[in-house]
Amino acid sequence: MSTSYLPEFVGNSVLDTIGLVIPGIDSTLREQMKLPSHISSLGILSSRTGAAGQICAIDEAIKNTSTEIISIDLPRDTKGWGGHGNYIVVGGRDVSDCRRAIEIALELTRKHAGEVYISSAGHLEFAYSASASYALNMAFGTPVGKSFGFMAGSPAAIGLVMADNALKASSVELVKYMTPSVGTSHSNEIIICFCGDAEACKTAVLRGREVGLELLKTMSDDEPQGPSTPYLKSVFEHLLR
């Protein structure tokens, strides 16, 4: 068998994330996946924990390569916690473009993982993008070019209180509201996505994070922690003064 058609390992990242490339997809799979005729190679990103951070990472990756988003799924996972993992496919004419897109996404996954907070009682996830592109549009219906904010809280009661506080704190447009039975894989969380100007989205995410961490800390003795360094503090540094 020609090695040019063997799947290619690109790398790993935090949150049990793997990146792969398929230079030439099997013809029967191509048909089932309903791939456009101009797509000859695929890049794949899949994680056991996290969703919005990896989607933001892919969103940036397709902005910087000649690839396009094929599909986004949020499987019920989070390694036994209350939320999702992810399975994301991008496609392109050139395998080198697909590989580069996955390399970028793996690098950015580590950054975005800084806003995943996990304790024995639950988890929180936050994300922000100054300008949403086609991956965020496909996943959440966010208008392309708008600033984007995301928050997920588990257990779901915390997520709802976070959402309420965030929307009251800033003038943003609610794009998506997801519950255990609506829009999720029956996960124990409330998720909201919103758009608006950059400052408004930043303010809303920061407020949601503040409330969510306070509530999650009441449920267990262990401090909610993530696998990477939180990055929103630097983004919102002027708001914390």
C-alpha atoms as a PDB file:
ATOM      1  CA  MET A   1       0.000   0.000   0.000  1.00  0.00           C
ATOM      2  CA  SER A   2       1.295   3.461  -0.850  1.00  0.00           C
ATOM      3  CA  THR A   3       2.336   5.325   2.289  1.00  0.00           C
ATOM      4  CA  SER A   4       0.934   8.522   0.775  1.00  0.00           C
ATOM      5  CA  TYR A   5      -2.515   7.271   1.752  1.00  0.00           C
ATOM      6  CA  LEU A   6      -1.708   6.222   5.298  1.00  0.00           C
ATOM      7  CA  PRO A   7      -3.192   8.380   8.077  1.00  0.00           C
ATOM      8  CA  GLU A   8      -0.680  10.786   9.536  1.00  0.00           C
ATOM      9  CA  PHE A   9      -0.245  11.563  13.227  1.00  0.00           C
ATOM     10  CA  VAL A  10       0.237  15.304  13.701  1.00  0.00           C
ATOM     11  CA  GLY A  11       0.403  15.615  17.485  1.00  0.00           C
ATOM     12  CA  ASN A  12      -1.289  15.741  20.889  1.00  0.00           C
ATOM     13  CA  SER A  13      -2.299  18.517  23.226  1.00  0.00           C
ATOM     14  CA  VAL A  14      -3.956  18.964  26.607  1.00  0.00           C
ATOM     15  CA  LEU A  15      -7.508  17.785  27.391  1.00  0.00           C
ATOM     16  CA  ASP A  16      -6.739  14.439  25.696  1.00  0.00           C
ATOM     17  CA  THR A  17      -6.567  16.065  22.277  1.00  0.00           C
ATOM     18  CA  ILE A  18      -5.192  14.337  19.182  1.00  0.00           C
ATOM     19  CA  GLY A  19      -4.559  15.771  15.714  1.00  0.00           C
ATOM     20  CA  LEU A  20      -4.441  13.616  12.568  1.00  0.00           C
ATOM     21  CA  VAL A  21      -4.385  14.032   8.793  1.00  0.00           C
ATOM     22  CA  ILE A  22      -5.780  11.746   6.076  1.00  0.00           C
ATOM     23  CA  PRO A  23      -4.109  12.518   2.734  1.00  0.00           C
ATOM     24  CA  GLY A  24      -6.723  10.628   0.664  1.00  0.00           C
ATOM     25  CA  ILE A  25     -10.082   9.523   2.087  1.00  0.00           C
ATOM     26  CA  ASP A  26     -11.577   6.149   1.130  1.00  0.00           C
ATOM     27  CA  SER A  27     -14.151   6.561  -1.651  1.00  0.00           C
ATOM     28  CA  THR A  28     -16.988   4.921   0.288  1.00  0.00           C
ATOM     29  CA  LEU A  29     -16.300   7.118   3.324  1.00  0.00           C
ATOM     30  CA  ARG A  30     -16.123  10.153   1.052  1.00  0.00           C
ATOM     31  CA  GLU A  31     -19.614   9.362  -0.182  1.00  0.00           C
ATOM     32  CA  GLN A  32     -21.026   8.806   3.309  1.00  0.00           C
ATOM     33  CA  MET A  33     -19.401  11.986   4.599  1.00  0.00           C
ATOM     34  CA  LYS A  34     -20.812  13.924   1.607  1.00  0.00           C
ATOM     35  CA  LEU A  35     -17.478  15.627   0.998  1.00  0.00           C
ATOM     36  CA  PRO A  36     -17.309  18.312  -1.706  1.00  0.00           C
ATOM     37  CA  SER A  37     -15.545  17.137  -4.853  1.00  0.00           C
ATOM     38  CA  HIS A  38     -12.679  19.632  -4.436  1.00  0.00           C
ATOM     39  CA  ILE A  39     -11.700  18.257  -1.004  1.00  0.00           C
ATOM     40  CA  SER A  40      -8.866  15.749  -1.329  1.00  0.00           C
ATOM     41  CA  SER A  41      -7.388  15.702   2.213  1.00  0.00           C
ATOM     42  CA  LEU A  42      -8.765  15.891   5.742  1.00  0.00           C
ATOM     43  CA  GLY A  43      -7.468  17.229   9.043  1.00  0.00           C
ATOM     44  CA  ILE A  44      -8.991  15.880  12.246  1.00  0.00           C
ATOM     45  CA  LEU A  45      -8.998  17.284  15.787  1.00  0.00           C
ATOM     46  CA  SER A  46     -10.637  15.303  18.585  1.00  0.00           C
ATOM     47  CA  SER A  47     -10.624  15.742  22.368  1.00  0.00           C
ATOM     48  CA  ARG A  48     -12.177  14.020  25.361  1.00  0.00           C
ATOM     49  CA  THR A  49     -12.731  17.304  27.211  1.00  0.00           C
ATOM     50  CA  GLY A  50     -13.649  20.776  25.995  1.00  0.00           C
ATOM     51  CA  ALA A  51     -15.548  22.156  23.041  1.00  0.00           C
ATOM     52  CA  ALA A  52     -15.544  25.913  22.546  1.00  0.00           C
ATOM     53  CA  GLY A  53     -11.796  26.278  23.076  1.00  0.00           C
ATOM     54  CA  GLN A  54     -10.968  23.720  20.413  1.00  0.00           C
ATOM     55  CA  ILE A  55     -13.555  25.189  18.051  1.00  0.00           C
ATOM     56  CA  CYS A  56     -11.985  28.626  18.554  1.00  0.00           C
ATOM     57  CA  ALA A  57      -8.606  27.038  17.828  1.00  0.00           C
ATOM     58  CA  ILE A  58      -9.903  25.520  14.582  1.00  0.00           C
ATOM     59  CA  ASP A  59     -11.597  28.821  13.752  1.00  0.00           C
ATOM     60  CA  GLU A  60      -8.212  30.556  13.848  1.00  0.00           C
ATOM     61  CA  ALA A  61      -6.567  27.701  11.958  1.00  0.00           C
ATOM     62  CA  ILE A  62      -8.881  27.959   8.961  1.00  0.00           C
ATOM     63  CA  LYS A  63      -8.357  31.728   8.867  1.00  0.00           C
ATOM     64  CA  ASN A  64      -4.650  31.102   8.396  1.00  0.00           C
ATOM     65  CA  THR A  65      -4.763  28.217   5.906  1.00  0.00           C
ATOM     66  CA  SER A  66      -6.572  27.296   2.701  1.00  0.00           C
ATOM     67  CA  THR A  67      -8.834  24.833   4.499  1.00  0.00           C
ATOM     68  CA  GLU A  68     -12.529  24.793   5.248  1.00  0.00           C
ATOM     69  CA  ILE A  69     -14.654  23.380   8.017  1.00  0.00           C
ATOM     70  CA  ILE A  70     -16.346  20.077   7.153  1.00  0.00           C
ATOM     71  CA  SER A  71     -18.084  19.044  10.373  1.00  0.00           C
ATOM     72  CA  ILE A  72     -18.220  19.649  14.120  1.00  0.00           C
ATOM     73  CA  ASP A  73     -19.675  17.186  16.634  1.00  0.00           C
ATOM     74  CA  LEU A  74     -19.868  17.480  20.402  1.00  0.00           C
ATOM     75  CA  PRO A  75     -19.949  13.931  21.784  1.00  0.00           C
ATOM     76  CA  ARG A  76     -21.048  13.216  25.331  1.00  0.00           C
ATOM     77  CA  ASP A  77     -17.736  12.696  27.100  1.00  0.00           C
ATOM     78  CA  THR A  78     -15.605  14.896  29.398  1.00  0.00           C
ATOM     79  CA  LYS A  79     -14.181  11.652  30.845  1.00  0.00           C
ATOM     80  CA  GLY A  80     -17.164  11.107  33.120  1.00  0.00           C
ATOM     81  CA  TRP A  81     -17.790  14.750  34.055  1.00  0.00           C
ATOM     82  CA  GLY A  82     -20.826  16.713  32.981  1.00  0.00           C
ATOM     83  CA  GLY A  83     -19.883  18.008  29.536  1.00  0.00           C
ATOM     84  CA  HIS A  84     -18.709  17.349  26.010  1.00  0.00           C
ATOM     85  CA  GLY A  85     -15.652  16.388  24.078  1.00  0.00           C
ATOM     86  CA  ASN A  86     -15.276  17.295  20.426  1.00  0.00           C
ATOM     87  CA  TYR A  87     -14.709  15.793  16.978  1.00  0.00           C
ATOM     88  CA  ILE A  88     -13.836  18.337  14.284  1.00  0.00           C
ATOM     89  CA  VAL A  89     -12.983  17.733  10.617  1.00  0.00           C
ATOM     90  CA  VAL A  90     -11.453  20.250   8.212  1.00  0.00           C
ATOM     91  CA  GLY A  91     -10.733  19.694   4.550  1.00  0.00           C
ATOM     92  CA  GLY A  92      -8.516  21.057   1.812  1.00  0.00           C
ATOM     93  CA  ARG A  93      -7.033  20.428  -1.598  1.00  0.00           C
ATOM     94  CA  ASP A  94      -3.519  20.040  -0.223  1.00  0.00           C
ATOM     95  CA  VAL A  95      -2.540  17.756   2.644  1.00  0.00           C
ATOM     96  CA  SER A  96       0.099  20.282   3.769  1.00  0.00           C
ATOM     97  CA  ASP A  97      -2.663  22.843   4.372  1.00  0.00           C
ATOM     98  CA  CYS A  98      -4.647  20.350   6.432  1.00  0.00           C
ATOM     99  CA  ARG A  99      -1.580  19.428   8.432  1.00  0.00           C
ATOM    100  CA  ARG A 100      -0.781  23.086   9.124  1.00  0.00           C
ATOM    101  CA  ALA A 101      -4.366  23.756  10.214  1.00  0.00           C
ATOM    102  CA  ILE A 102      -4.184  20.936  12.750  1.00  0.00           C
ATOM    103  CA  GLU A 103      -0.748  22.076  13.972  1.00  0.00           C
ATOM    104  CA  ILE A 104      -2.168  25.563  14.611  1.00  0.00           C
ATOM    105  CA  ALA A 105      -5.244  24.128  16.323  1.00  0.00           C
ATOM    106  CA  LEU A 106      -3.127  21.935  18.626  1.00  0.00           C
ATOM    107  CA  GLU A 107      -1.010  24.924  19.630  1.00  0.00           C
ATOM    108  CA  LEU A 108      -4.071  27.081  20.331  1.00  0.00           C
ATOM    109  CA  THR A 109      -5.883  24.287  22.187  1.00  0.00           C
ATOM    110  CA  ARG A 110      -3.286  24.578  24.945  1.00  0.00           C
ATOM    111  CA  LYS A 111      -3.964  28.312  25.186  1.00  0.00           C
ATOM    112  CA  HIS A 112      -7.761  27.959  25.254  1.00  0.00           C
ATOM    113  CA  ALA A 113      -7.567  25.116  27.782  1.00  0.00           C
ATOM    114  CA  GLY A 114      -6.573  27.753  30.309  1.00  0.00           C
ATOM    115  CA  GLU A 115     -10.243  28.681  30.573  1.00  0.00           C
ATOM    116  CA  VAL A 116     -11.455  25.170  31.440  1.00  0.00           C
ATOM    117  CA  TYR A 117     -11.922  24.783  35.204  1.00  0.00           C
ATOM    118  CA  ILE A 118     -12.537  21.310  36.658  1.00  0.00           C
ATOM    119  CA  SER A 119     -13.186  20.163  40.218  1.00  0.00           C
ATOM    120  CA  SER A 120     -14.629  16.968  41.678  1.00  0.00           C
ATOM    121  CA  ALA A 121     -18.039  18.692  41.681  1.00  0.00           C
ATOM    122  CA  GLY A 122     -18.274  20.040  38.134  1.00  0.00           C
ATOM    123  CA  HIS A 123     -16.622  22.099  35.445  1.00  0.00           C
ATOM    124  CA  LEU A 124     -16.736  25.484  33.722  1.00  0.00           C
ATOM    125  CA  GLU A 125     -15.569  26.502  30.260  1.00  0.00           C
ATOM    126  CA  PHE A 126     -15.183  29.994  28.778  1.00  0.00           C
ATOM    127  CA  ALA A 127     -14.107  31.240  25.377  1.00  0.00           C
ATOM    128  CA  TYR A 128     -13.755  34.507  23.518  1.00  0.00           C
ATOM    129  CA  SER A 129     -12.900  35.439  19.938  1.00  0.00           C
ATOM    130  CA  ALA A 130     -12.500  38.973  18.619  1.00  0.00           C
ATOM    131  CA  SER A 131     -13.774  37.910  15.196  1.00  0.00           C
ATOM    132  CA  ALA A 132     -15.704  34.698  14.614  1.00  0.00           C
ATOM    133  CA  SER A 133     -15.146  32.745  11.421  1.00  0.00           C
ATOM    134  CA  TYR A 134     -16.777  29.712   9.801  1.00  0.00           C
ATOM    135  CA  ALA A 135     -16.128  27.124  12.521  1.00  0.00           C
ATOM    136  CA  LEU A 136     -17.868  29.196  15.201  1.00  0.00           C
ATOM    137  CA  ASN A 137     -20.611  29.943  12.710  1.00  0.00           C
ATOM    138  CA  MET A 138     -21.170  26.245  12.005  1.00  0.00           C
ATOM    139  CA  ALA A 139     -21.041  25.164  15.650  1.00  0.00           C
ATOM    140  CA  PHE A 140     -23.069  27.930  17.270  1.00  0.00           C
ATOM    141  CA  GLY A 141     -24.581  30.130  14.559  1.00  0.00           C
ATOM    142  CA  THR A 142     -22.306  33.045  15.452  1.00  0.00           C
ATOM    143  CA  PRO A 143     -22.288  35.712  12.698  1.00  0.00           C
ATOM    144  CA  VAL A 144     -18.982  35.689  10.820  1.00  0.00           C
ATOM    145  CA  GLY A 145     -16.870  38.708  11.724  1.00  0.00           C
ATOM    146  CA  LYS A 146     -18.611  39.413  15.045  1.00  0.00           C
ATOM    147  CA  SER A 147     -16.941  39.138  18.433  1.00  0.00           C
ATOM    148  CA  PHE A 148     -17.933  35.903  20.172  1.00  0.00           C
ATOM    149  CA  GLY A 149     -18.377  34.845  23.781  1.00  0.00           C
ATOM    150  CA  PHE A 150     -19.097  31.399  25.227  1.00  0.00           C
ATOM    151  CA  MET A 151     -19.694  29.893  28.636  1.00  0.00           C
ATOM    152  CA  ALA A 152     -20.664  26.450  29.877  1.00  0.00           C
ATOM    153  CA  GLY A 153     -21.403  25.508  33.462  1.00  0.00           C
ATOM    154  CA  SER A 154     -21.847  22.070  35.032  1.00  0.00           C
ATOM    155  CA  PRO A 155     -23.921  21.224  36.965  1.00  0.00           C
ATOM    156  CA  ALA A 156     -26.510  22.972  34.836  1.00  0.00           C
ATOM    157  CA  ALA A 157     -27.868  25.125  37.662  1.00  0.00           C
ATOM    158  CA  ILE A 158     -24.542  26.944  37.860  1.00  0.00           C
ATOM    159  CA  GLY A 159     -24.549  27.423  34.094  1.00  0.00           C
ATOM    160  CA  LEU A 160     -27.957  29.123  34.183  1.00  0.00           C
ATOM    161  CA  VAL A 161     -26.933  31.554  36.942  1.00  0.00           C
ATOM    162  CA  MET A 162     -23.710  32.331  35.068  1.00  0.00           C
ATOM    163  CA  ALA A 163     -25.696  33.010  31.897  1.00  0.00           C
ATOM    164  CA  ASP A 164     -28.161  35.293  33.649  1.00  0.00           C
ATOM    165  CA  ASN A 165     -25.428  37.343  35.290  1.00  0.00           C
ATOM    166  CA  ALA A 166     -23.387  37.605  32.115  1.00  0.00           C
ATOM    167  CA  LEU A 167     -26.283  38.802  29.969  1.00  0.00           C
ATOM    168  CA  LYS A 168     -27.308  41.348  32.596  1.00  0.00           C
ATOM    169  CA  ALA A 169     -23.737  42.632  32.857  1.00  0.00           C
ATOM    170  CA  SER A 170     -23.299  43.623  29.237  1.00  0.00           C
ATOM    171  CA  SER A 171     -25.185  44.509  26.079  1.00  0.00           C
ATOM    172  CA  VAL A 172     -24.644  41.412  23.942  1.00  0.00           C
ATOM    173  CA  GLU A 173     -26.870  39.434  21.586  1.00  0.00           C
ATOM    174  CA  LEU A 174     -27.714  35.905  22.732  1.00  0.00           C
ATOM    175  CA  VAL A 175     -27.018  33.583  19.786  1.00  0.00           C
ATOM    176  CA  LYS A 176     -27.553  30.158  21.328  1.00  0.00           C
ATOM    177  CA  TYR A 177     -28.966  28.727  24.562  1.00  0.00           C
ATOM    178  CA  MET A 178     -28.270  25.029  25.157  1.00  0.00           C
ATOM    179  CA  THR A 179     -29.607  22.809  27.959  1.00  0.00           C
ATOM    180  CA  PRO A 180     -29.303  19.130  28.935  1.00  0.00           C
ATOM    181  CA  SER A 181     -32.132  18.306  26.514  1.00  0.00           C
ATOM    182  CA  VAL A 182     -31.752  21.062  23.888  1.00  0.00           C
ATOM    183  CA  GLY A 183     -28.678  21.373  21.691  1.00  0.00           C
ATOM    184  CA  THR A 184     -26.353  19.187  23.766  1.00  0.00           C
ATOM    185  CA  SER A 185     -25.641  15.459  23.908  1.00  0.00           C
ATOM    186  CA  HIS A 186     -27.754  15.370  27.107  1.00  0.00           C
ATOM    187  CA  SER A 187     -24.908  16.780  29.158  1.00  0.00           C
ATOM    188  CA  ASN A 188     -25.434  18.217  32.628  1.00  0.00           C
ATOM    189  CA  GLU A 189     -24.688  21.820  31.708  1.00  0.00           C
ATOM    190  CA  ILE A 190     -26.130  25.083  30.473  1.00  0.00           C
ATOM    191  CA  ILE A 191     -24.289  26.696  27.558  1.00  0.00           C
ATOM    192  CA  ILE A 192     -24.771  30.141  26.070  1.00  0.00           C
ATOM    193  CA  CYS A 193     -23.094  31.764  23.088  1.00  0.00           C
ATOM    194  CA  PHE A 194     -23.388  35.449  22.311  1.00  0.00           C
ATOM    195  CA  CYS A 195     -21.996  38.101  20.019  1.00  0.00           C
ATOM    196  CA  GLY A 196     -21.601  41.876  19.999  1.00  0.00           C
ATOM    197  CA  ASP A 197     -18.780  44.355  20.082  1.00  0.00           C
ATOM    198  CA  ALA A 198     -15.497  43.171  21.569  1.00  0.00           C
ATOM    199  CA  GLU A 199     -15.747  45.067  24.841  1.00  0.00           C
ATOM    200  CA  ALA A 200     -19.294  43.865  25.532  1.00  0.00           C
ATOM    201  CA  CYS A 201     -18.406  40.224  24.886  1.00  0.00           C
ATOM    202  CA  LYS A 202     -15.322  40.453  27.090  1.00  0.00           C
ATOM    203  CA  THR A 203     -17.309  41.980  29.943  1.00  0.00           C
ATOM    204  CA  ALA A 204     -19.998  39.289  29.743  1.00  0.00           C
ATOM    205  CA  VAL A 205     -17.481  36.417  29.730  1.00  0.00           C
ATOM    206  CA  LEU A 206     -15.578  37.883  32.661  1.00  0.00           C
ATOM    207  CA  ARG A 207     -18.765  38.271  34.712  1.00  0.00           C
ATOM    208  CA  GLY A 208     -19.867  34.719  33.954  1.00  0.00           C
ATOM    209  CA  ARG A 209     -16.481  33.355  34.965  1.00  0.00           C
ATOM    210  CA  GLU A 210     -16.505  35.276  38.254  1.00  0.00           C
ATOM    211  CA  VAL A 211     -19.946  33.977  39.254  1.00  0.00           C
ATOM    212  CA  GLY A 212     -19.322  30.433  38.055  1.00  0.00           C
ATOM    213  CA  LEU A 213     -16.077  29.999  39.979  1.00  0.00           C
ATOM    214  CA  GLU A 214     -17.654  31.339  43.162  1.00  0.00           C
ATOM    215  CA  LEU A 215     -20.504  28.843  42.927  1.00  0.00           C
ATOM    216  CA  LEU A 216     -18.422  25.819  41.916  1.00  0.00           C
ATOM    217  CA  LYS A 217     -16.080  26.388  44.855  1.00  0.00           C
ATOM    218  CA  THR A 218     -19.016  25.972  47.281  1.00  0.00           C
ATOM    219  CA  MET A 219     -19.587  22.398  46.107  1.00  0.00           C
ATOM    220  CA  SER A 220     -16.253  20.755  46.981  1.00  0.00           C
ATOM    221  CA  ASP A 221     -13.038  21.302  48.891  1.00  0.00           C
ATOM    222  CA  ASP A 222     -10.792  21.077  45.833  1.00  0.00           C
ATOM    223  CA  GLU A 223     -10.052  24.223  43.856  1.00  0.00           C
ATOM    224  CA  PRO A 224     -11.343  24.241  40.253  1.00  0.00           C
ATOM    225  CA  GLN A 225      -8.262  23.937  38.050  1.00  0.00           C
ATOM    226  CA  GLY A 226      -7.403  23.470  34.401  1.00  0.00           C
ATOM    227  CA  PRO A 227      -4.520  21.967  32.436  1.00  0.00           C
ATOM    228  CA  SER A 228      -3.123  25.270  31.206  1.00  0.00           C
ATOM    229  CA  THR A 229      -2.634  28.907  32.193  1.00  0.00           C
ATOM    230  CA  PRO A 230      -5.788  31.090  32.208  1.00  0.00           C
ATOM    231  CA  TYR A 231      -5.561  33.626  29.403  1.00  0.00           C
ATOM    232  CA  LEU A 232      -8.611  35.832  29.908  1.00  0.00           C
ATOM    233  CA  LYS A 233      -6.985  37.696  32.788  1.00  0.00           C
ATOM    234  CA  SER A 234      -4.538  39.355  30.420  1.00  0.00           C
ATOM    235  CA  VAL A 235      -7.279  40.054  27.892  1.00  0.00           C
ATOM    236  CA  PHE A 236      -9.429  41.685  30.584  1.00  0.00           C
ATOM    237  CA  GLU A 237      -6.649  43.177  32.686  1.00  0.00           C
ATOM    238  CA  HIS A 238      -7.970  46.719  32.311  1.00  0.00           C
ATOM    239  CA  LEU A 239     -11.366  45.605  33.613  1.00  0.00           C
ATOM    240  CA  LEU A 240      -9.909  44.088  36.786  1.00  0.00           C
ATOM    241  CA  ARG A 241      -8.403  47.312  38.062  1.00  0.00           C
END
